[in-house]
Protein backbone atom coordinates (compact mmCIF):
# COMPACT_ATOMS: atom_id res chain seq x y z
CA UNK A 1 28.33 -181.43 54.88
CA UNK A 2 29.47 -184.55 56.72
CA UNK A 3 32.26 -185.07 59.12
CA UNK A 4 34.98 -187.06 57.62
CA UNK A 5 38.05 -188.43 59.30
CA UNK A 6 41.11 -187.62 57.26
CA UNK A 7 44.16 -189.96 58.04
CA UNK A 8 47.98 -189.11 57.80
CA UNK A 9 51.45 -190.17 58.82
CA UNK A 10 54.90 -189.16 58.57
CA UNK A 11 58.39 -189.83 59.98
CA UNK A 12 61.60 -187.66 61.04
CA UNK A 13 64.99 -189.05 60.90
CA UNK A 14 65.64 -187.81 64.33
CA UNK A 15 64.07 -186.21 67.48
CA UNK A 16 64.61 -182.65 66.96
CA UNK A 17 62.45 -179.93 67.38
CA UNK A 18 62.57 -178.17 64.10
CA UNK A 19 62.67 -181.66 62.39
CA UNK A 20 58.96 -182.39 64.41
CA UNK A 21 57.53 -179.30 63.84
CA UNK A 22 58.24 -178.83 60.09
CA UNK A 23 57.45 -182.51 59.19
CA UNK A 24 53.77 -182.12 61.19
CA UNK A 25 53.21 -178.91 59.35
CA UNK A 26 53.78 -180.27 55.91
CA UNK A 27 51.70 -183.22 56.49
CA UNK A 28 48.74 -181.35 57.81
CA UNK A 29 49.05 -178.88 54.90
CA UNK A 30 49.28 -181.61 52.34
CA UNK A 31 46.13 -183.15 54.12
CA UNK A 32 43.84 -179.99 54.10
CA UNK A 33 45.04 -179.13 50.44
CA UNK A 34 44.61 -182.66 48.92
CA UNK A 35 41.04 -182.85 50.43
CA UNK A 36 40.17 -179.15 49.88
CA UNK A 37 39.67 -178.46 53.48
CA UNK A 38 40.13 -175.03 54.70
CA UNK A 39 40.95 -174.24 58.44
CA UNK A 40 37.35 -173.13 59.24
CA UNK A 41 36.20 -176.76 58.04
CA UNK A 42 38.38 -178.37 60.35
CA UNK A 43 36.69 -179.51 63.56
CA UNK A 44 39.69 -181.02 65.44
CA UNK A 45 43.04 -182.68 64.84
CA UNK A 46 44.56 -185.39 66.96
CA UNK A 47 48.19 -186.00 66.55
CA UNK A 48 50.23 -188.97 67.96
CA UNK A 49 53.64 -189.81 67.92
CA UNK A 50 55.86 -192.65 68.89
CA UNK A 51 57.41 -192.40 72.17
CA UNK A 52 60.77 -191.61 70.85
CA UNK A 53 59.31 -188.12 70.04
CA UNK A 54 59.83 -185.83 73.11
CA UNK A 55 61.48 -182.60 71.84
CA UNK A 56 58.37 -180.79 70.65
CA UNK A 57 54.64 -180.80 70.67
CA UNK A 58 53.46 -181.19 67.04
CA UNK A 59 50.56 -179.24 67.88
CA UNK A 60 52.63 -176.16 68.12
CA UNK A 61 53.23 -176.38 64.11
CA UNK A 62 49.49 -176.52 63.47
CA UNK A 63 48.78 -173.59 65.36
CA UNK A 64 51.57 -171.53 64.02
CA UNK A 65 50.26 -172.13 60.34
CA UNK A 66 48.74 -168.80 59.14
CA UNK A 67 44.82 -169.05 59.39
CA UNK A 68 44.99 -172.21 61.66
CA UNK A 69 45.63 -170.70 65.14
CA UNK A 70 41.86 -171.56 66.42
CA UNK A 71 41.83 -175.27 65.03
CA UNK A 72 41.60 -177.44 68.30
CA UNK A 73 44.67 -179.73 68.40
CA UNK A 74 45.75 -182.32 70.95
CA UNK A 75 48.73 -184.38 71.07
CA UNK A 76 49.43 -187.94 72.56
CA UNK A 77 51.78 -190.89 72.42
CA UNK A 78 51.13 -193.94 70.54
CA UNK A 79 51.12 -197.41 72.33
CA UNK A 80 54.63 -199.20 72.27
CA UNK A 81 54.28 -202.24 70.30
CA UNK A 82 57.43 -204.09 69.60
CA UNK A 83 58.76 -203.78 65.89
CA UNK A 84 56.50 -200.85 65.53
CA UNK A 85 57.83 -197.94 63.12
CA UNK A 86 59.92 -195.39 65.09
CA UNK A 87 59.86 -191.42 64.89
CA UNK A 88 56.58 -191.63 63.51
CA UNK A 89 53.96 -188.79 63.71
CA UNK A 90 50.24 -189.73 62.84
CA UNK A 91 47.48 -187.07 62.42
CA UNK A 92 43.69 -187.62 62.49
CA UNK A 93 41.80 -184.69 61.21
CA UNK A 94 38.02 -184.22 61.62
CA UNK A 95 36.46 -181.99 59.09
CA UNK A 96 33.20 -180.95 57.54
CA UNK A 97 33.38 -181.68 53.85
CA UNK A 98 31.13 -182.99 50.90
CA UNK A 99 33.53 -185.48 49.47
CA UNK A 100 32.21 -189.06 49.97
CA UNK A 101 34.54 -191.00 52.57
CA UNK A 102 35.70 -193.32 49.65
CA UNK A 103 37.23 -190.46 47.78
CA UNK A 104 39.00 -188.88 50.92
CA UNK A 105 42.78 -188.84 50.29
CA UNK A 106 44.72 -190.06 53.19
CA UNK A 107 48.27 -188.66 53.05
CA UNK A 108 51.49 -190.81 54.09
CA UNK A 109 54.76 -189.34 53.84
CA UNK A 110 58.38 -190.40 54.35
CA UNK A 111 58.91 -193.95 55.86
CA UNK A 112 54.99 -193.77 57.10
CA UNK A 113 54.01 -194.82 53.61
CA UNK A 114 54.91 -198.33 54.76
CA UNK A 115 51.99 -198.04 57.29
CA UNK A 116 49.15 -197.99 54.50
CA UNK A 117 50.69 -198.93 51.26
CA UNK A 118 47.02 -199.75 50.09
CA UNK A 119 46.34 -196.16 50.22
CA UNK A 120 49.18 -195.09 47.97
CA UNK A 121 47.98 -193.57 44.76
């Protein structure tokens, strides 16, 4: 087994608690499923948001998923760069897997697909 970094990002239309939590949950579940990673294989998750997201801690969404209670999760804000995407939630999941790095599926949802169009399949 190797430790791999799985990347993902999504966006919300507005900074509302429910929207942030639902978008985060959908993203991390798709990231794990696409890469056949179980919660026991996840070492840690780092979640960053753009500074316009203040209504909720996205980590709360991860900890509330059945079986994910003990996955270490941390939140932070992104740098404020002029012209950067707004209302964006980014995830870096560290996981044990046998999948070679070039076959890891990085997941980008909603407007965040524009961040890495080269990774879209």
